[in-house]
């Protein structure tokens, strides 16, 4: 047999042996295959006694087979089950399935260890437990043991927008702040509450969907929080005026839109009048 075909044949046999061993130990195939291909590449680079061509052929065969396994696994559930196995139900309706436990070659102590890792210390608390193909254990607790959520309590909950960074490394992200509907005056007022004099004193500032501001100051500029009442009043007025403009854009009610716009204009005139007296 030509040496080229001999290397290919041995590579295929070794790859099939890897799949068989992987099924026995229950590890995730992608991880095992990745480690194996990486080890082959390292061996080719360091082992000078190995012919370079043989090493390249072996690496190509293993890489190609790994790609083929992944592709066929996406196309065929049967092939995926053959290579990766199927999830095994170990606990159903609170009862341990001893036959499935033996089939998975797992002792009750092993199962209890994995349950404790999922914060399930009592079998009586578990409704459903599945041993996944990668060797991990998925656990669903009984309803009475699950943490309370607004849905379970029948309480309506408002979805919260994702938090956004508005100051990064001392630089204000003006567009982000404007997109969130907040003014620079309001932001400066909030920063001064937490001990910052200007944007350059702030390493990171993040604004959540409810208007709560997290501020992380540079260590060398960290100062005790100090509130200046006049700038704070000015910043609050500007924030309210910006909110009124936002409400007028969001509402579809004509009378409400007109009322918001009128109040916004009136507040803007008031701000222009009192602003010179509120600056320090």
Protein backbone atom coordinates (compact mmCIF):
# COMPACT_ATOMS: atom_id res chain seq x y z
CA UNK A 1 0.00 0.00 0.00
CA UNK A 2 1.36 3.46 -0.86
CA UNK A 3 2.52 5.44 2.17
CA UNK A 4 0.03 8.20 1.39
CA UNK A 5 -2.95 5.82 1.61
CA UNK A 6 -1.50 4.16 4.72
CA UNK A 7 -1.37 7.52 6.53
CA UNK A 8 -4.92 8.36 5.45
CA UNK A 9 -6.25 4.95 6.56
CA UNK A 10 -4.54 5.14 9.96
CA UNK A 11 -5.87 8.68 10.44
CA UNK A 12 -9.43 7.59 9.69
CA UNK A 13 -9.16 4.60 12.07
CA UNK A 14 -7.73 6.80 14.82
CA UNK A 15 -10.51 9.33 14.30
CA UNK A 16 -13.16 6.60 14.55
CA UNK A 17 -11.51 5.39 17.76
CA UNK A 18 -11.71 8.94 19.12
CA UNK A 19 -15.46 9.04 18.44
CA UNK A 20 -15.93 5.70 20.20
CA UNK A 21 -13.86 6.79 23.21
CA UNK A 22 -15.73 10.08 23.32
CA UNK A 23 -19.05 8.23 23.54
CA UNK A 24 -17.70 6.20 26.45
CA UNK A 25 -16.46 9.15 28.51
CA UNK A 26 -19.36 11.44 27.56
CA UNK A 27 -17.34 14.55 26.73
CA UNK A 28 -18.40 17.18 24.21
CA UNK A 29 -17.12 16.04 20.82
CA UNK A 30 -16.16 19.51 19.53
CA UNK A 31 -13.92 20.07 22.56
CA UNK A 32 -12.22 16.66 22.30
CA UNK A 33 -11.71 16.99 18.54
CA UNK A 34 -10.28 20.49 18.96
CA UNK A 35 -7.79 19.31 21.56
CA UNK A 36 -6.80 16.36 19.37
CA UNK A 37 -6.22 18.52 16.27
CA UNK A 38 -4.22 21.01 18.36
CA UNK A 39 -2.07 18.21 19.75
CA UNK A 40 -1.43 16.92 16.22
CA UNK A 41 -0.34 20.37 15.07
CA UNK A 42 2.05 20.69 18.02
CA UNK A 43 3.50 17.22 17.38
CA UNK A 44 4.08 18.02 13.70
CA UNK A 45 5.89 21.22 14.67
CA UNK A 46 8.14 19.66 17.33
CA UNK A 47 8.75 16.04 16.28
CA UNK A 48 11.52 16.21 13.66
CA UNK A 49 11.46 12.41 13.20
CA UNK A 50 7.94 12.64 11.74
CA UNK A 51 7.94 13.26 7.96
CA UNK A 52 6.44 16.66 7.31
CA UNK A 53 4.20 15.37 4.50
CA UNK A 54 2.75 12.62 6.70
CA UNK A 55 2.01 15.16 9.39
CA UNK A 56 0.28 17.53 6.99
CA UNK A 57 -1.81 14.66 5.55
CA UNK A 58 -2.84 13.53 9.04
CA UNK A 59 -3.78 17.06 10.08
CA UNK A 60 -5.76 17.57 6.87
CA UNK A 61 -7.66 14.28 7.34
CA UNK A 62 -8.50 15.06 10.97
CA UNK A 63 -9.54 18.62 10.18
CA UNK A 64 -11.66 17.48 7.26
CA UNK A 65 -13.36 14.74 9.26
CA UNK A 66 -14.07 17.12 12.14
CA UNK A 67 -15.69 19.57 9.72
CA UNK A 68 -17.67 16.75 8.09
CA UNK A 69 -18.92 15.50 11.47
CA UNK A 70 -20.15 18.97 12.37
CA UNK A 71 -21.82 19.52 9.00
CA UNK A 72 -23.55 16.13 8.92
CA UNK A 73 -24.66 16.63 12.53
CA UNK A 74 -26.53 19.78 11.47
CA UNK A 75 -28.17 18.01 8.54
CA UNK A 76 -29.14 14.73 10.20
CA UNK A 77 -30.46 14.22 13.73
CA UNK A 78 -29.79 10.48 13.42
CA UNK A 79 -26.14 11.02 12.56
CA UNK A 80 -25.81 13.59 15.35
CA UNK A 81 -27.21 11.09 17.84
CA UNK A 82 -24.82 8.42 16.57
CA UNK A 83 -21.77 10.62 17.16
CA UNK A 84 -22.82 12.70 20.15
CA UNK A 85 -25.33 10.36 21.78
CA UNK A 86 -28.72 11.34 23.21
CA UNK A 87 -29.64 13.09 26.44
CA UNK A 88 -30.56 10.62 29.19
CA UNK A 89 -33.41 11.30 31.61
CA UNK A 90 -32.24 10.44 35.13
CA UNK A 91 -35.06 11.98 37.18
CA UNK A 92 -38.66 12.22 36.02
CA UNK A 93 -41.57 13.56 38.08
CA UNK A 94 -39.31 13.46 41.12
CA UNK A 95 -38.41 9.78 40.71
CA UNK A 96 -34.89 8.48 39.96
CA UNK A 97 -34.84 6.21 36.90
CA UNK A 98 -32.40 3.52 38.06
CA UNK A 99 -32.23 1.83 34.64
CA UNK A 100 -31.19 5.05 32.92
CA UNK A 101 -28.71 5.73 35.71
CA UNK A 102 -27.05 2.37 35.05
CA UNK A 103 -27.16 2.97 31.30
CA UNK A 104 -25.30 6.25 31.83
CA UNK A 105 -22.74 4.36 34.00
CA UNK A 106 -23.30 6.82 36.80
CA UNK A 107 -23.54 6.11 40.52
CA UNK A 108 -26.10 7.75 42.77
CA UNK A 109 -23.26 9.61 44.50
CA UNK A 110 -22.11 11.07 41.17
CA UNK A 111 -25.65 12.19 40.42
CA UNK A 112 -26.07 13.78 43.86
CA UNK A 113 -22.79 15.65 43.39
CA UNK A 114 -24.04 17.09 40.11
CA UNK A 115 -27.39 17.97 41.67
CA UNK A 116 -25.67 19.87 44.48
CA UNK A 117 -23.76 21.84 41.85
CA UNK A 118 -27.21 22.97 40.64
CA UNK A 119 -28.26 23.97 44.20
CA UNK A 120 -30.57 20.96 44.42
CA UNK A 121 -29.60 19.27 47.70
CA UNK A 122 -32.84 17.29 48.07
CA UNK A 123 -34.14 14.79 45.54
CA UNK A 124 -37.63 15.74 46.69
CA UNK A 125 -37.09 19.23 45.23
CA UNK A 126 -36.30 17.96 41.71
CA UNK A 127 -39.01 17.49 39.10
CA UNK A 128 -36.84 16.65 36.09
CA UNK A 129 -33.14 15.87 35.58
CA UNK A 130 -31.41 15.18 32.26
CA UNK A 131 -27.84 14.07 31.62
CA UNK A 132 -26.79 16.00 28.51
CA UNK A 133 -24.53 14.65 25.79
CA UNK A 134 -21.61 16.76 27.04
CA UNK A 135 -21.79 15.14 30.49
CA UNK A 136 -23.53 18.03 32.28
CA UNK A 137 -26.76 17.66 34.25
CA UNK A 138 -29.75 19.91 33.53
CA UNK A 139 -32.19 20.24 36.43
CA UNK A 140 -35.74 21.59 36.66
CA UNK A 141 -36.96 22.02 40.22
CA UNK A 142 -40.55 21.53 41.28
CA UNK A 143 -42.75 24.60 40.96
CA UNK A 144 -42.94 25.21 44.69
CA UNK A 145 -39.14 25.18 44.90
CA UNK A 146 -38.56 27.68 42.10
CA UNK A 147 -37.79 31.31 43.00
CA UNK A 148 -40.68 33.75 42.85
CA UNK A 149 -40.88 35.87 39.73
CA UNK A 150 -43.34 38.60 38.74
CA UNK A 151 -44.97 36.13 36.32
CA UNK A 152 -45.57 33.53 39.06
CA UNK A 153 -46.99 36.24 41.34
CA UNK A 154 -49.24 37.60 38.62
CA UNK A 155 -47.59 41.00 38.84
CA UNK A 156 -47.07 42.87 35.56
CA UNK A 157 -43.43 43.72 34.99
CA UNK A 158 -42.10 46.37 32.66
CA UNK A 159 -39.24 45.42 30.38
CA UNK A 160 -36.16 47.47 31.15
CA UNK A 161 -33.95 48.87 28.44
CA UNK A 162 -30.31 47.80 28.33
CA UNK A 163 -27.90 50.04 30.30
CA UNK A 164 -25.71 52.32 28.21
CA UNK A 165 -22.30 53.85 28.88
CA UNK A 166 -22.46 57.65 28.68
CA UNK A 167 -18.93 58.54 29.84
CA UNK A 168 -15.87 56.50 28.99
CA UNK A 169 -12.35 57.36 30.12
CA UNK A 170 -13.26 60.96 30.86
CA UNK A 171 -15.03 61.55 27.53
CA UNK A 172 -18.75 62.24 27.22
CA UNK A 173 -20.60 60.12 24.64
CA UNK A 174 -22.94 62.88 23.53
CA UNK A 175 -24.93 60.87 20.99
CA UNK A 176 -25.63 58.08 23.48
CA UNK A 177 -26.79 60.60 26.10
CA UNK A 178 -29.04 62.32 23.56
CA UNK A 179 -30.49 58.99 22.39
CA UNK A 180 -31.45 58.21 25.98
CA UNK A 181 -33.24 61.57 26.28
CA UNK A 182 -31.05 63.17 28.94
CA UNK A 183 -29.36 66.55 28.87
CA UNK A 184 -25.74 67.34 29.70
CA UNK A 185 -26.92 69.66 32.45
CA UNK A 186 -28.75 66.84 34.19
CA UNK A 187 -25.76 64.55 33.83
CA UNK A 188 -23.38 67.11 35.33
CA UNK A 189 -25.73 67.56 38.28
CA UNK A 190 -25.78 63.81 38.92
CA UNK A 191 -21.99 63.60 38.61
CA UNK A 192 -21.50 66.37 41.17
CA UNK A 193 -23.67 64.45 43.62
CA UNK A 194 -21.07 61.68 43.48
CA UNK A 195 -17.99 63.88 43.84
CA UNK A 196 -17.02 64.68 40.24
CA UNK A 197 -16.45 68.22 39.03
CA UNK A 198 -16.38 67.48 35.32
CA UNK A 199 -16.48 64.62 32.80
CA UNK A 200 -12.69 64.29 32.94
CA UNK A 201 -12.95 63.13 36.57
CA UNK A 202 -15.06 60.12 35.54
CA UNK A 203 -13.51 56.86 34.37
CA UNK A 204 -16.86 55.20 33.59
CA UNK A 205 -20.51 56.23 33.86
CA UNK A 206 -23.39 53.94 32.97
CA UNK A 207 -27.07 54.85 32.78
CA UNK A 208 -29.72 52.16 33.12
CA UNK A 209 -33.21 52.07 31.67
CA UNK A 210 -34.76 53.55 34.84
CA UNK A 211 -32.50 56.58 34.97
CA UNK A 212 -30.12 55.31 37.64
CA UNK A 213 -26.56 56.47 37.07
CA UNK A 214 -23.51 54.41 38.08
CA UNK A 215 -20.34 56.47 38.31
CA UNK A 216 -16.78 55.22 38.70
CA UNK A 217 -14.31 58.05 39.34
CA UNK A 218 -10.60 58.01 38.73
CA UNK A 219 -8.91 57.01 41.98
CA UNK A 220 -6.69 60.09 42.10
CA UNK A 221 -9.66 62.44 41.67
CA UNK A 222 -12.00 60.67 44.09
CA UNK A 223 -13.60 63.22 46.40
CA UNK A 224 -16.40 63.12 48.95
CA UNK A 225 -19.78 63.61 47.29
CA UNK A 226 -20.77 67.25 47.28
CA UNK A 227 -24.11 68.64 46.21
CA UNK A 228 -24.37 72.17 44.86
CA UNK A 229 -28.02 73.12 45.16
CA UNK A 230 -28.21 75.79 42.44
CA UNK A 231 -26.66 73.77 39.59
CA UNK A 232 -28.73 70.81 40.72
CA UNK A 233 -31.95 72.80 40.43
CA UNK A 234 -30.91 74.01 36.98
CA UNK A 235 -30.06 70.50 35.84
CA UNK A 236 -33.39 69.19 37.15
CA UNK A 237 -35.32 71.88 35.28
CA UNK A 238 -33.51 71.05 32.05
CA UNK A 239 -34.22 67.35 32.60
CA UNK A 240 -37.94 68.01 33.07
CA UNK A 241 -38.00 70.21 29.96
CA UNK A 242 -36.30 67.48 27.93
CA UNK A 243 -38.78 64.90 29.27
CA UNK A 244 -41.70 67.07 28.17
CA UNK A 245 -40.28 67.28 24.66
CA UNK A 246 -39.83 63.52 24.60
CA UNK A 247 -43.41 62.93 25.78
CA UNK A 248 -44.76 65.23 23.05
CA UNK A 249 -42.93 63.20 20.40
CA UNK A 250 -44.06 59.86 21.77
CA UNK A 251 -47.78 60.48 22.29
CA UNK A 252 -50.36 60.07 19.52
CA UNK A 253 -52.99 62.09 21.39
CA UNK A 254 -53.24 65.53 19.73
CA UNK A 255 -54.42 67.40 22.83
CA UNK A 256 -51.76 65.76 25.01
CA UNK A 257 -49.08 66.59 22.42
CA UNK A 258 -50.15 70.25 22.41
CA UNK A 259 -50.15 70.36 26.21
CA UNK A 260 -46.66 68.84 26.44
CA UNK A 261 -45.31 71.28 23.83
CA UNK A 262 -46.87 74.28 25.59
CA UNK A 263 -45.47 73.27 28.96
CA UNK A 264 -42.07 72.59 27.40
CA UNK A 265 -41.95 76.07 25.86
CA UNK A 266 -43.05 77.68 29.11
CA UNK A 267 -40.40 75.79 31.08
CA UNK A 268 -37.76 76.69 28.50
CA UNK A 269 -38.58 80.40 28.96
CA UNK A 270 -38.36 79.97 32.72
CA UNK A 271 -34.96 78.26 32.41
CA UNK A 272 -33.63 81.12 30.27
CA UNK A 273 -34.79 83.60 32.88
CA UNK A 274 -33.39 81.93 35.99
CA UNK A 275 -30.27 80.29 34.51
CA UNK A 276 -27.94 83.24 35.23
CA UNK A 277 -28.94 83.08 38.91
CA UNK A 278 -28.51 79.30 39.20
CA UNK A 279 -24.98 79.08 37.87
CA UNK A 280 -22.07 79.06 40.33
